[in-house]
Amino acid sequence: MVDPTSDLEEDIDPDDAPTCATCGEPIVNAPTHRVVTWVDDGEARQRHFCDEACREDWDDER
């Protein structure tokens, strides 16, 4: 998996790209990419979304 803090505008193989937590599509070269991050039991957790609509549709199962 690609480091989520890296520049995702570079040549990223869809197999290595993060996937949307709502629709499951790989997120490659998407300026609409959104990330939600939180701390759970002392560990950083994150969910990626391809756009704001998928972010809003996410069923928060933390």
PDB file of N, CA and C in Angstrom:
ATOM      1  N   MET A   1       0.843  -1.183   0.000  1.00  0.00           N
ATOM      2  CA  MET A   1       0.000   0.000   0.000  1.00  0.00           C
ATOM      3  C   MET A   1       0.882   1.237   0.000  1.00  0.00           C
ATOM      4  N   VAL A   2       0.395   2.270  -0.627  1.00  0.00           N
ATOM      5  CA  VAL A   2       1.108   3.531  -0.739  1.00  0.00           C
ATOM      6  C   VAL A   2       0.980   4.296   0.567  1.00  0.00           C
ATOM      7  N   ASP A   3       2.058   4.963   0.960  1.00  0.00           N
ATOM      8  CA  ASP A   3       2.031   5.844   2.129  1.00  0.00           C
ATOM      9  C   ASP A   3       0.975   6.919   1.888  1.00  0.00           C
ATOM     10  N   PRO A   4      -0.035   7.041   2.761  1.00  0.00           N
ATOM     11  CA  PRO A   4      -1.113   8.004   2.510  1.00  0.00           C
ATOM     12  C   PRO A   4      -0.667   9.454   2.531  1.00  0.00           C
ATOM     13  N   THR A   5       0.543   9.733   3.025  1.00  0.00           N
ATOM     14  CA  THR A   5       1.034  11.108   3.028  1.00  0.00           C
ATOM     15  C   THR A   5       1.854  11.406   1.785  1.00  0.00           C
ATOM     16  N   SER A   6       2.028  10.424   0.901  1.00  0.00           N
ATOM     17  CA  SER A   6       2.820  10.640  -0.300  1.00  0.00           C
ATOM     18  C   SER A   6       2.006  11.374  -1.355  1.00  0.00           C
ATOM     19  N   ASP A   7       2.685  11.798  -2.403  1.00  0.00           N
ATOM     20  CA  ASP A   7       2.038  12.491  -3.509  1.00  0.00           C
ATOM     21  C   ASP A   7       1.350  11.465  -4.396  1.00  0.00           C
ATOM     22  N   LEU A   8       0.031  11.333  -4.290  1.00  0.00           N
ATOM     23  CA  LEU A   8      -0.697  10.333  -5.063  1.00  0.00           C
ATOM     24  C   LEU A   8      -0.892  10.743  -6.519  1.00  0.00           C
ATOM     25  N   GLU A   9      -0.362  11.884  -6.913  1.00  0.00           N
ATOM     26  CA  GLU A   9      -0.436  12.292  -8.312  1.00  0.00           C
ATOM     27  C   GLU A   9       0.641  11.601  -9.146  1.00  0.00           C
ATOM     28  N   GLU A  10       1.565  10.914  -8.522  1.00  0.00           N
ATOM     29  CA  GLU A  10       2.625  10.219  -9.240  1.00  0.00           C
ATOM     30  C   GLU A  10       2.080   8.921  -9.810  1.00  0.00           C
ATOM     31  N   ASP A  11       2.900   8.205 -10.560  1.00  0.00           N
ATOM     32  CA  ASP A  11       2.483   6.950 -11.183  1.00  0.00           C
ATOM     33  C   ASP A  11       2.247   5.890 -10.123  1.00  0.00           C
ATOM     34  N   ILE A  12       0.992   5.718  -9.735  1.00  0.00           N
ATOM     35  CA  ILE A  12       0.606   4.738  -8.734  1.00  0.00           C
ATOM     36  C   ILE A  12      -0.172   3.635  -9.438  1.00  0.00           C
ATOM     37  N   ASP A  13       0.249   2.403  -9.238  1.00  0.00           N
ATOM     38  CA  ASP A  13      -0.465   1.262  -9.781  1.00  0.00           C
ATOM     39  C   ASP A  13      -1.768   1.110  -8.993  1.00  0.00           C
ATOM     40  N   PRO A  14      -2.903   0.918  -9.659  1.00  0.00           N
ATOM     41  CA  PRO A  14      -4.172   0.752  -8.943  1.00  0.00           C
ATOM     42  C   PRO A  14      -4.143  -0.367  -7.902  1.00  0.00           C
ATOM     43  N   ASP A  15      -3.303  -1.384  -8.107  1.00  0.00           N
ATOM     44  CA  ASP A  15      -3.192  -2.464  -7.124  1.00  0.00           C
ATOM     45  C   ASP A  15      -2.533  -1.995  -5.829  1.00  0.00           C
ATOM     46  N   ASP A  16      -1.751  -0.918  -5.904  1.00  0.00           N
ATOM     47  CA  ASP A  16      -1.054  -0.391  -4.731  1.00  0.00           C
ATOM     48  C   ASP A  16      -1.754   0.819  -4.119  1.00  0.00           C
ATOM     49  N   ALA A  17      -2.739   1.347  -4.803  1.00  0.00           N
ATOM     50  CA  ALA A  17      -3.431   2.553  -4.348  1.00  0.00           C
ATOM     51  C   ALA A  17      -4.411   2.224  -3.224  1.00  0.00           C
ATOM     52  N   PRO A  18      -4.698   3.204  -2.362  1.00  0.00           N
ATOM     53  CA  PRO A  18      -5.732   2.981  -1.347  1.00  0.00           C
ATOM     54  C   PRO A  18      -7.079   2.820  -2.043  1.00  0.00           C
ATOM     55  N   THR A  19      -8.004   2.119  -1.392  1.00  0.00           N
ATOM     56  CA  THR A  19      -9.337   1.941  -1.955  1.00  0.00           C
ATOM     57  C   THR A  19     -10.357   2.692  -1.115  1.00  0.00           C
ATOM     58  N   CYS A  20     -11.426   3.094  -1.761  1.00  0.00           N
ATOM     59  CA  CYS A  20     -12.484   3.825  -1.092  1.00  0.00           C
ATOM     60  C   CYS A  20     -13.194   2.903  -0.099  1.00  0.00           C
ATOM     61  N   ALA A  21     -13.369   3.367   1.138  1.00  0.00           N
ATOM     62  CA  ALA A  21     -14.009   2.569   2.182  1.00  0.00           C
ATOM     63  C   ALA A  21     -15.499   2.369   1.914  1.00  0.00           C
ATOM     64  N   THR A  22     -16.086   3.167   1.028  1.00  0.00           N
ATOM     65  CA  THR A  22     -17.508   3.040   0.724  1.00  0.00           C
ATOM     66  C   THR A  22     -17.760   2.209  -0.522  1.00  0.00           C
ATOM     67  N   CYS A  23     -17.129   2.580  -1.637  1.00  0.00           N
ATOM     68  CA  CYS A  23     -17.424   1.890  -2.906  1.00  0.00           C
ATOM     69  C   CYS A  23     -16.364   0.876  -3.314  1.00  0.00           C
ATOM     70  N   GLY A  24     -15.180   0.918  -2.681  1.00  0.00           N
ATOM     71  CA  GLY A  24     -14.137  -0.068  -2.967  1.00  0.00           C
ATOM     72  C   GLY A  24     -13.275   0.218  -4.179  1.00  0.00           C
ATOM     73  N   GLU A  25     -13.510   1.331  -4.863  1.00  0.00           N
ATOM     74  CA  GLU A  25     -12.711   1.677  -6.038  1.00  0.00           C
ATOM     75  C   GLU A  25     -11.313   2.142  -5.629  1.00  0.00           C
ATOM     76  N   PRO A  26     -10.273   1.770  -6.401  1.00  0.00           N
ATOM     77  CA  PRO A  26      -8.937   2.288  -6.109  1.00  0.00           C
ATOM     78  C   PRO A  26      -8.900   3.801  -6.345  1.00  0.00           C
ATOM     79  N   ILE A  27      -8.145   4.504  -5.507  1.00  0.00           N
ATOM     80  CA  ILE A  27      -8.059   5.960  -5.602  1.00  0.00           C
ATOM     81  C   ILE A  27      -6.711   6.317  -6.209  1.00  0.00           C
ATOM     82  N   VAL A  28      -6.739   6.632  -7.510  1.00  0.00           N
ATOM     83  CA  VAL A  28      -5.521   6.947  -8.258  1.00  0.00           C
ATOM     84  C   VAL A  28      -5.709   8.295  -8.938  1.00  0.00           C
ATOM     85  N   ASN A  29      -4.793   9.210  -8.680  1.00  0.00           N
ATOM     86  CA  ASN A  29      -4.826  10.538  -9.307  1.00  0.00           C
ATOM     87  C   ASN A  29      -6.170  11.230  -9.131  1.00  0.00           C
ATOM     88  N   ALA A  30      -6.730  11.166  -7.947  1.00  0.00           N
ATOM     89  CA  ALA A  30      -8.049  11.765  -7.693  1.00  0.00           C
ATOM     90  C   ALA A  30      -7.917  12.991  -6.795  1.00  0.00           C
ATOM     91  N   PRO A  31      -8.139  14.182  -7.340  1.00  0.00           N
ATOM     92  CA  PRO A  31      -8.066  15.382  -6.507  1.00  0.00           C
ATOM     93  C   PRO A  31      -9.201  15.447  -5.483  1.00  0.00           C
ATOM     94  N   THR A  32     -10.212  14.586  -5.630  1.00  0.00           N
ATOM     95  CA  THR A  32     -11.338  14.559  -4.700  1.00  0.00           C
ATOM     96  C   THR A  32     -11.109  13.597  -3.534  1.00  0.00           C
ATOM     97  N   HIS A  33      -9.950  12.943  -3.492  1.00  0.00           N
ATOM     98  CA  HIS A  33      -9.586  11.970  -2.447  1.00  0.00           C
ATOM     99  C   HIS A  33      -9.739  12.596  -1.059  1.00  0.00           C
ATOM    100  N   ARG A  34     -10.432  11.899  -0.166  1.00  0.00           N
ATOM    101  CA  ARG A  34     -10.613  12.341   1.224  1.00  0.00           C
ATOM    102  C   ARG A  34     -10.122  11.239   2.151  1.00  0.00           C
ATOM    103  N   VAL A  35      -9.581  11.623   3.309  1.00  0.00           N
ATOM    104  CA  VAL A  35      -9.102  10.665   4.301  1.00  0.00           C
ATOM    105  C   VAL A  35      -9.632  11.068   5.672  1.00  0.00           C
ATOM    106  N   VAL A  36     -10.134  10.105   6.426  1.00  0.00           N
ATOM    107  CA  VAL A  36     -10.551  10.313   7.809  1.00  0.00           C
ATOM    108  C   VAL A  36      -9.565   9.536   8.669  1.00  0.00           C
ATOM    109  N   THR A  37      -9.006  10.197   9.672  1.00  0.00           N
ATOM    110  CA  THR A  37      -8.007   9.584  10.553  1.00  0.00           C
ATOM    111  C   THR A  37      -8.458   9.739  11.993  1.00  0.00           C
ATOM    112  N   TRP A  38      -8.210   8.713  12.803  1.00  0.00           N
ATOM    113  CA  TRP A  38      -8.524   8.764  14.225  1.00  0.00           C
ATOM    114  C   TRP A  38      -7.573   7.846  14.976  1.00  0.00           C
ATOM    115  N   VAL A  39      -7.542   7.965  16.295  1.00  0.00           N
ATOM    116  CA  VAL A  39      -6.698   7.122  17.140  1.00  0.00           C
ATOM    117  C   VAL A  39      -7.605   6.157  17.885  1.00  0.00           C
ATOM    118  N   ASP A  40      -7.269   4.867  17.816  1.00  0.00           N
ATOM    119  CA  ASP A  40      -8.052   3.811  18.447  1.00  0.00           C
ATOM    120  C   ASP A  40      -7.092   2.912  19.217  1.00  0.00           C
ATOM    121  N   ASP A  41      -7.259   2.844  20.525  1.00  0.00           N
ATOM    122  CA  ASP A  41      -6.371   2.038  21.380  1.00  0.00           C
ATOM    123  C   ASP A  41      -4.900   2.375  21.153  1.00  0.00           C
ATOM    124  N   GLY A  42      -4.611   3.671  20.994  1.00  0.00           N
ATOM    125  CA  GLY A  42      -3.238   4.123  20.847  1.00  0.00           C
ATOM    126  C   GLY A  42      -2.652   3.950  19.456  1.00  0.00           C
ATOM    127  N   GLU A  43      -3.443   3.483  18.480  1.00  0.00           N
ATOM    128  CA  GLU A  43      -2.958   3.307  17.109  1.00  0.00           C
ATOM    129  C   GLU A  43      -3.732   4.216  16.164  1.00  0.00           C
ATOM    130  N   ALA A  44      -3.021   4.798  15.208  1.00  0.00           N
ATOM    131  CA  ALA A  44      -3.664   5.629  14.199  1.00  0.00           C
ATOM    132  C   ALA A  44      -4.409   4.741  13.212  1.00  0.00           C
ATOM    133  N   ARG A  45      -5.633   5.094  12.923  1.00  0.00           N
ATOM    134  CA  ARG A  45      -6.473   4.385  11.959  1.00  0.00           C
ATOM    135  C   ARG A  45      -6.897   5.390  10.899  1.00  0.00           C
ATOM    136  N   GLN A  46      -7.226   4.880   9.710  1.00  0.00           N
ATOM    137  CA  GLN A  46      -7.640   5.771   8.638  1.00  0.00           C
ATOM    138  C   GLN A  46      -8.564   5.070   7.670  1.00  0.00           C
ATOM    139  N   ARG A  47      -9.390   5.854   7.010  1.00  0.00           N
ATOM    140  CA  ARG A  47     -10.257   5.377   5.942  1.00  0.00           C
ATOM    141  C   ARG A  47     -10.112   6.355   4.789  1.00  0.00           C
ATOM    142  N   HIS A  48     -10.018   5.820   3.586  1.00  0.00           N
ATOM    143  CA  HIS A  48      -9.891   6.630   2.375  1.00  0.00           C
ATOM    144  C   HIS A  48     -11.223   6.631   1.636  1.00  0.00           C
ATOM    145  N   PHE A  49     -11.509   7.755   0.965  1.00  0.00           N
ATOM    146  CA  PHE A  49     -12.739   7.905   0.196  1.00  0.00           C
ATOM    147  C   PHE A  49     -12.412   8.569  -1.125  1.00  0.00           C
ATOM    148  N   CYS A  50     -13.092   8.142  -2.190  1.00  0.00           N
ATOM    149  CA  CYS A  50     -12.785   8.708  -3.512  1.00  0.00           C
ATOM    150  C   CYS A  50     -13.337  10.115  -3.680  1.00  0.00           C
ATOM    151  N   ASP A  51     -14.372  10.465  -2.915  1.00  0.00           N
ATOM    152  CA  ASP A  51     -14.911  11.826  -2.993  1.00  0.00           C
ATOM    153  C   ASP A  51     -15.753  12.117  -1.747  1.00  0.00           C
ATOM    154  N   GLU A  52     -16.255  13.334  -1.677  1.00  0.00           N
ATOM    155  CA  GLU A  52     -17.027  13.755  -0.508  1.00  0.00           C
ATOM    156  C   GLU A  52     -18.333  12.971  -0.379  1.00  0.00           C
ATOM    157  N   ALA A  53     -18.960  12.599  -1.494  1.00  0.00           N
ATOM    158  CA  ALA A  53     -20.211  11.834  -1.439  1.00  0.00           C
ATOM    159  C   ALA A  53     -19.982  10.472  -0.779  1.00  0.00           C
ATOM    160  N   CYS A  54     -18.905   9.786  -1.147  1.00  0.00           N
ATOM    161  CA  CYS A  54     -18.596   8.497  -0.509  1.00  0.00           C
ATOM    162  C   CYS A  54     -18.249   8.707   0.960  1.00  0.00           C
ATOM    163  N   ARG A  55     -17.581   9.793   1.266  1.00  0.00           N
ATOM    164  CA  ARG A  55     -17.255  10.096   2.663  1.00  0.00           C
ATOM    165  C   ARG A  55     -18.537  10.263   3.476  1.00  0.00           C
ATOM    166  N   GLU A  56     -19.498  10.964   2.931  1.00  0.00           N
ATOM    167  CA  GLU A  56     -20.765  11.185   3.630  1.00  0.00           C
ATOM    168  C   GLU A  56     -21.591   9.916   3.754  1.00  0.00           C
ATOM    169  N   ASP A  57     -21.454   8.991   2.783  1.00  0.00           N
ATOM    170  CA  ASP A  57     -22.208   7.730   2.800  1.00  0.00           C
ATOM    171  C   ASP A  57     -21.574   6.667   3.681  1.00  0.00           C
ATOM    172  N   TRP A  58     -20.357   6.911   4.149  1.00  0.00           N
ATOM    173  CA  TRP A  58     -19.638   5.912   4.951  1.00  0.00           C
ATOM    174  C   TRP A  58     -20.378   5.587   6.240  1.00  0.00           C
ATOM    175  N   ASP A  59     -20.534   4.312   6.488  1.00  0.00           N
ATOM    176  CA  ASP A  59     -21.143   3.837   7.723  1.00  0.00           C
ATOM    177  C   ASP A  59     -20.017   3.689   8.735  1.00  0.00           C
ATOM    178  N   ASP A  60     -19.901   4.646   9.626  1.00  0.00           N
ATOM    179  CA  ASP A  60     -18.810   4.693  10.603  1.00  0.00           C
ATOM    180  C   ASP A  60     -18.896   3.511  11.561  1.00  0.00           C
ATOM    181  N   GLU A  61     -18.043   2.500  11.298  1.00  0.00           N
ATOM    182  CA  GLU A  61     -18.039   1.284  12.107  1.00  0.00           C
ATOM    183  C   GLU A  61     -16.835   1.211  13.040  1.00  0.00           C
ATOM    184  N   ARG A  62     -16.302   2.346  13.414  1.00  0.00           N
ATOM    185  CA  ARG A  62     -15.107   2.366  14.265  1.00  0.00           C
ATOM    186  C   ARG A  62     -15.388   1.708  15.574  1.00  0.00           C
TER     187      ARG A  62
END
